[in-house]
């Protein structure tokens, strides 16, 4: 188990990242991974965030489950769980994490930057293959480096839907995908006792941070949340390159 000083710093990081996820529906792992890697090492940081992921998704999902479009959820979650996650976890120990992270960063800068320009189309309905592809790609990124949120976020924020429905769908997918990932990690032996103990200590500040973020979410209009999410994706993309 990590030292008290390390856990204190990690608590502050997790609280802030969870607050952002409470507002935008994503960003917890993406914002925390770089700083946690400095404290725990890259692989252990990914594993700790993987263990914590079902808890934060469930905490946010609990406020929006009545508005969930379950057809949309399973359109994304099935290819994520059956295709993307297994492949990402399989390559977890052999893939060049730096190259993957750089690729995710470039993808975010191009896509989020585009959606922030006047050239981007207004949110609208998209054919079902877009959702399935977002799920598969997000699952792969999530399994390999705990960066699975961006493809799902871009897809859902490109669609026209109430903010509560979008948040509910996103968190339901995260609950399913993150739980499947943890289940797949159990037989690998990666989830050691220190990893589980560190994760358990960090769950309370994560839940509190996400709750406070949800209070702000309730007060913001949908367009403001969409813009904030795209700006956050753009910023994360730049951060992943450096």
Protein backbone atom coordinates (compact mmCIF):
# COMPACT_ATOMS: atom_id res chain seq x y z
CA UNK A 1 0.00 0.00 0.00
CA UNK A 2 1.23 3.52 -0.80
CA UNK A 3 2.51 5.93 1.83
CA UNK A 4 0.21 8.42 3.57
CA UNK A 5 1.82 11.31 1.69
CA UNK A 6 1.27 9.63 -1.67
CA UNK A 7 -2.36 8.85 -0.85
CA UNK A 8 -2.95 12.43 0.33
CA UNK A 9 -1.74 13.81 -3.01
CA UNK A 10 -3.70 11.15 -4.88
CA UNK A 11 -6.85 12.10 -2.96
CA UNK A 12 -6.62 15.71 -4.18
CA UNK A 13 -6.06 14.54 -7.76
CA UNK A 14 -8.97 12.11 -7.68
CA UNK A 15 -11.32 14.63 -6.07
CA UNK A 16 -10.67 17.21 -8.81
CA UNK A 17 -10.93 14.70 -11.63
CA UNK A 18 -14.16 13.26 -10.22
CA UNK A 19 -15.67 16.75 -9.96
CA UNK A 20 -15.02 17.27 -13.67
CA UNK A 21 -16.66 13.93 -14.50
CA UNK A 22 -19.67 14.94 -12.45
CA UNK A 23 -20.10 18.03 -14.64
CA UNK A 24 -19.23 16.71 -18.11
CA UNK A 25 -19.81 12.95 -17.74
CA UNK A 26 -16.20 11.97 -18.39
CA UNK A 27 -12.59 12.92 -17.75
CA UNK A 28 -11.87 11.21 -14.43
CA UNK A 29 -9.24 8.77 -15.73
CA UNK A 30 -7.93 11.05 -18.47
CA UNK A 31 -7.25 13.92 -16.08
CA UNK A 32 -5.87 11.77 -13.27
CA UNK A 33 -3.72 9.28 -15.18
CA UNK A 34 -0.72 11.55 -15.78
CA UNK A 35 -0.43 12.77 -12.19
CA UNK A 36 -1.16 9.38 -10.65
CA UNK A 37 1.51 7.85 -12.87
CA UNK A 38 4.05 10.13 -11.18
CA UNK A 39 2.96 8.78 -7.78
CA UNK A 40 2.35 5.08 -8.51
CA UNK A 41 3.98 4.40 -11.87
CA UNK A 42 2.19 4.12 -15.19
CA UNK A 43 0.90 0.54 -15.02
CA UNK A 44 -0.25 0.76 -11.40
CA UNK A 45 -2.00 4.08 -12.09
CA UNK A 46 -3.95 2.47 -14.93
CA UNK A 47 -4.93 -0.45 -12.70
CA UNK A 48 -6.01 1.79 -9.79
CA UNK A 49 -8.18 3.89 -12.09
CA UNK A 50 -9.61 0.72 -13.63
CA UNK A 51 -10.69 -0.57 -10.22
CA UNK A 52 -12.24 2.79 -9.32
CA UNK A 53 -14.02 3.33 -12.64
CA UNK A 54 -17.20 1.32 -11.89
CA UNK A 55 -17.72 3.24 -8.64
CA UNK A 56 -17.60 6.74 -10.15
CA UNK A 57 -19.74 5.74 -13.13
CA UNK A 58 -22.30 4.20 -10.80
CA UNK A 59 -22.30 7.26 -8.53
CA UNK A 60 -23.19 9.54 -11.46
CA UNK A 61 -25.49 6.99 -13.13
CA UNK A 62 -27.62 6.74 -9.96
CA UNK A 63 -28.92 10.27 -10.58
CA UNK A 64 -29.87 9.70 -14.22
CA UNK A 65 -30.92 6.06 -14.61
CA UNK A 66 -34.57 6.98 -15.20
CA UNK A 67 -33.65 8.90 -18.36
CA UNK A 68 -31.41 6.27 -19.93
CA UNK A 69 -31.99 5.20 -23.55
CA UNK A 70 -31.12 1.50 -23.13
CA UNK A 71 -31.11 0.81 -26.87
CA UNK A 72 -28.35 3.39 -27.23
CA UNK A 73 -26.48 1.92 -24.27
CA UNK A 74 -26.33 -1.60 -25.67
CA UNK A 75 -25.51 -0.36 -29.17
CA UNK A 76 -22.30 1.06 -27.68
CA UNK A 77 -21.65 -1.39 -24.82
CA UNK A 78 -21.82 -4.67 -26.77
CA UNK A 79 -18.99 -3.93 -29.25
CA UNK A 80 -17.05 -2.30 -26.41
CA UNK A 81 -17.29 -5.39 -24.19
CA UNK A 82 -17.00 -8.08 -26.87
CA UNK A 83 -14.42 -6.52 -29.20
CA UNK A 84 -12.61 -3.44 -27.89
CA UNK A 85 -11.95 -4.32 -24.24
CA UNK A 86 -10.62 -7.86 -24.78
CA UNK A 87 -8.24 -6.65 -27.47
CA UNK A 88 -7.06 -3.70 -25.36
CA UNK A 89 -6.46 -5.84 -22.27
CA UNK A 90 -4.67 -8.45 -24.38
CA UNK A 91 -2.26 -5.78 -25.57
CA UNK A 92 -2.01 -4.02 -22.18
CA UNK A 93 1.46 -5.39 -21.36
CA UNK A 94 2.96 -5.34 -24.86
CA UNK A 95 1.59 -2.21 -26.53
CA UNK A 96 3.73 0.91 -26.67
CA UNK A 97 1.74 3.02 -24.22
CA UNK A 98 3.50 6.22 -25.29
CA UNK A 99 2.58 5.73 -28.94
CA UNK A 100 -1.02 4.89 -28.05
CA UNK A 101 -1.33 7.94 -25.78
CA UNK A 102 0.15 10.16 -28.49
CA UNK A 103 -2.32 8.76 -31.01
CA UNK A 104 -5.25 9.43 -28.68
CA UNK A 105 -3.99 13.00 -28.17
CA UNK A 106 -3.80 13.72 -31.89
CA UNK A 107 -7.26 12.20 -32.42
CA UNK A 108 -8.74 14.43 -29.70
CA UNK A 109 -7.13 17.63 -30.95
CA UNK A 110 -8.39 17.09 -34.49
CA UNK A 111 -11.90 15.89 -33.62
CA UNK A 112 -12.69 18.18 -30.67
CA UNK A 113 -11.12 21.13 -32.46
CA UNK A 114 -13.33 20.48 -35.46
CA UNK A 115 -16.52 20.28 -33.39
CA UNK A 116 -15.66 23.63 -31.79
CA UNK A 117 -15.46 25.41 -35.16
CA UNK A 118 -18.38 26.97 -37.08
CA UNK A 119 -17.80 24.30 -39.77
CA UNK A 120 -19.01 21.51 -37.50
CA UNK A 121 -22.56 20.24 -38.08
CA UNK A 122 -25.15 20.78 -35.40
CA UNK A 123 -25.96 17.81 -33.13
CA UNK A 124 -28.20 15.37 -35.01
CA UNK A 125 -29.15 11.70 -35.27
CA UNK A 126 -26.34 9.44 -36.51
CA UNK A 127 -26.54 5.95 -38.11
CA UNK A 128 -26.06 3.05 -35.71
CA UNK A 129 -22.58 2.04 -37.04
CA UNK A 130 -21.18 5.26 -35.57
CA UNK A 131 -22.26 4.18 -32.09
CA UNK A 132 -20.93 0.65 -32.52
CA UNK A 133 -17.59 1.96 -33.80
CA UNK A 134 -17.33 4.42 -30.92
CA UNK A 135 -17.93 1.56 -28.49
CA UNK A 136 -15.31 -0.72 -30.05
CA UNK A 137 -12.66 2.00 -30.28
CA UNK A 138 -13.43 3.28 -26.80
CA UNK A 139 -13.19 -0.25 -25.43
CA UNK A 140 -9.77 -0.76 -27.00
CA UNK A 141 -8.41 2.53 -25.64
CA UNK A 142 -9.95 1.78 -22.25
CA UNK A 143 -8.52 -1.72 -22.06
CA UNK A 144 -5.03 -0.71 -23.14
CA UNK A 145 -4.57 2.63 -21.36
CA UNK A 146 -7.75 3.65 -19.45
CA UNK A 147 -8.50 6.33 -22.07
CA UNK A 148 -11.73 4.89 -23.44
CA UNK A 149 -14.05 7.83 -22.87
CA UNK A 150 -13.23 10.24 -25.74
CA UNK A 151 -14.68 8.25 -28.69
CA UNK A 152 -17.92 7.72 -26.74
CA UNK A 153 -18.10 11.37 -25.66
CA UNK A 154 -17.54 12.65 -29.19
CA UNK A 155 -20.26 10.36 -30.53
CA UNK A 156 -22.82 11.26 -27.86
CA UNK A 157 -22.09 14.99 -27.96
CA UNK A 158 -22.49 14.90 -31.75
CA UNK A 159 -26.04 13.59 -31.24
CA UNK A 160 -29.09 15.64 -30.42
CA UNK A 161 -30.46 14.59 -27.02
CA UNK A 162 -31.29 16.14 -23.62
CA UNK A 163 -28.28 16.52 -21.34
CA UNK A 164 -29.77 14.14 -18.74
CA UNK A 165 -30.27 11.39 -21.34
CA UNK A 166 -26.73 11.85 -22.65
CA UNK A 167 -25.28 11.71 -19.15
CA UNK A 168 -27.32 8.61 -18.29
CA UNK A 169 -26.28 6.77 -21.46
CA UNK A 170 -22.62 7.68 -21.00
CA UNK A 171 -22.51 6.54 -17.37
CA UNK A 172 -24.46 3.33 -18.09
CA UNK A 173 -21.93 2.44 -20.78
CA UNK A 174 -19.08 3.26 -18.40
CA UNK A 175 -20.61 1.07 -15.66
CA UNK A 176 -20.90 -1.89 -18.04
CA UNK A 177 -17.55 -1.41 -19.73
CA UNK A 178 -15.54 -0.75 -16.57
CA UNK A 179 -17.12 -3.70 -14.74
CA UNK A 180 -16.34 -6.02 -17.65
CA UNK A 181 -12.76 -4.72 -17.67
CA UNK A 182 -12.27 -5.41 -13.94
CA UNK A 183 -13.72 -8.90 -14.40
CA UNK A 184 -11.26 -9.55 -17.22
CA UNK A 185 -8.35 -8.26 -15.15
CA UNK A 186 -9.04 -10.53 -12.14
CA UNK A 187 -7.64 -13.76 -13.63
CA UNK A 188 -4.54 -11.95 -14.97
CA UNK A 189 -3.09 -11.38 -11.50
CA UNK A 190 -2.60 -7.64 -12.10
CA UNK A 191 -5.02 -6.66 -9.31
CA UNK A 192 -2.73 -7.19 -6.35
CA UNK A 193 -3.66 -6.44 -2.73
CA UNK A 194 -1.79 -3.06 -2.69
CA UNK A 195 -3.64 -1.99 -5.86
CA UNK A 196 -7.00 -2.88 -4.31
CA UNK A 197 -6.20 -1.15 -0.99
CA UNK A 198 -5.03 2.06 -2.68
CA UNK A 199 -8.16 2.06 -4.85
CA UNK A 200 -10.43 1.58 -1.81
CA UNK A 201 -8.86 4.54 0.00
CA UNK A 202 -9.42 6.80 -3.01
CA UNK A 203 -13.06 5.90 -3.66
CA UNK A 204 -14.64 8.20 -0.97
CA UNK A 205 -13.06 11.46 -2.29
CA UNK A 206 -14.00 10.33 -5.78
CA UNK A 207 -17.67 9.92 -4.84
CA UNK A 208 -17.75 13.29 -3.05
CA UNK A 209 -16.11 15.06 -5.99
CA UNK A 210 -18.53 13.57 -8.50
CA UNK A 211 -21.51 14.51 -6.31
CA UNK A 212 -20.44 18.15 -6.14
CA UNK A 213 -19.86 18.15 -9.90
CA UNK A 214 -23.40 16.88 -10.42
CA UNK A 215 -24.77 19.84 -8.50
CA UNK A 216 -23.10 22.15 -11.04
CA UNK A 217 -24.31 19.94 -13.91
CA UNK A 218 -27.93 20.44 -12.79
CA UNK A 219 -27.52 24.22 -13.00
CA UNK A 220 -25.81 24.48 -16.39
CA UNK A 221 -27.62 24.49 -19.77
CA UNK A 222 -26.93 21.63 -22.16
CA UNK A 223 -25.10 23.80 -24.71
CA UNK A 224 -22.71 25.07 -22.05
CA UNK A 225 -21.94 21.52 -20.93
CA UNK A 226 -21.35 20.42 -24.54
CA UNK A 227 -18.91 23.30 -25.14
CA UNK A 228 -17.14 22.61 -21.85
CA UNK A 229 -16.82 18.92 -22.75
CA UNK A 230 -15.31 19.69 -26.17
CA UNK A 231 -12.87 22.22 -24.69
CA UNK A 232 -11.90 19.64 -22.08
CA UNK A 233 -11.31 17.02 -24.78
CA UNK A 234 -9.15 19.47 -26.71
CA UNK A 235 -7.14 20.30 -23.58
CA UNK A 236 -6.70 16.62 -22.72
CA UNK A 237 -5.51 15.97 -26.26
CA UNK A 238 -2.80 18.63 -25.91
CA UNK A 239 -1.87 17.29 -22.45
CA UNK A 240 -1.44 13.73 -23.76
CA UNK A 241 1.14 14.90 -26.29
CA UNK A 242 3.45 16.39 -23.65
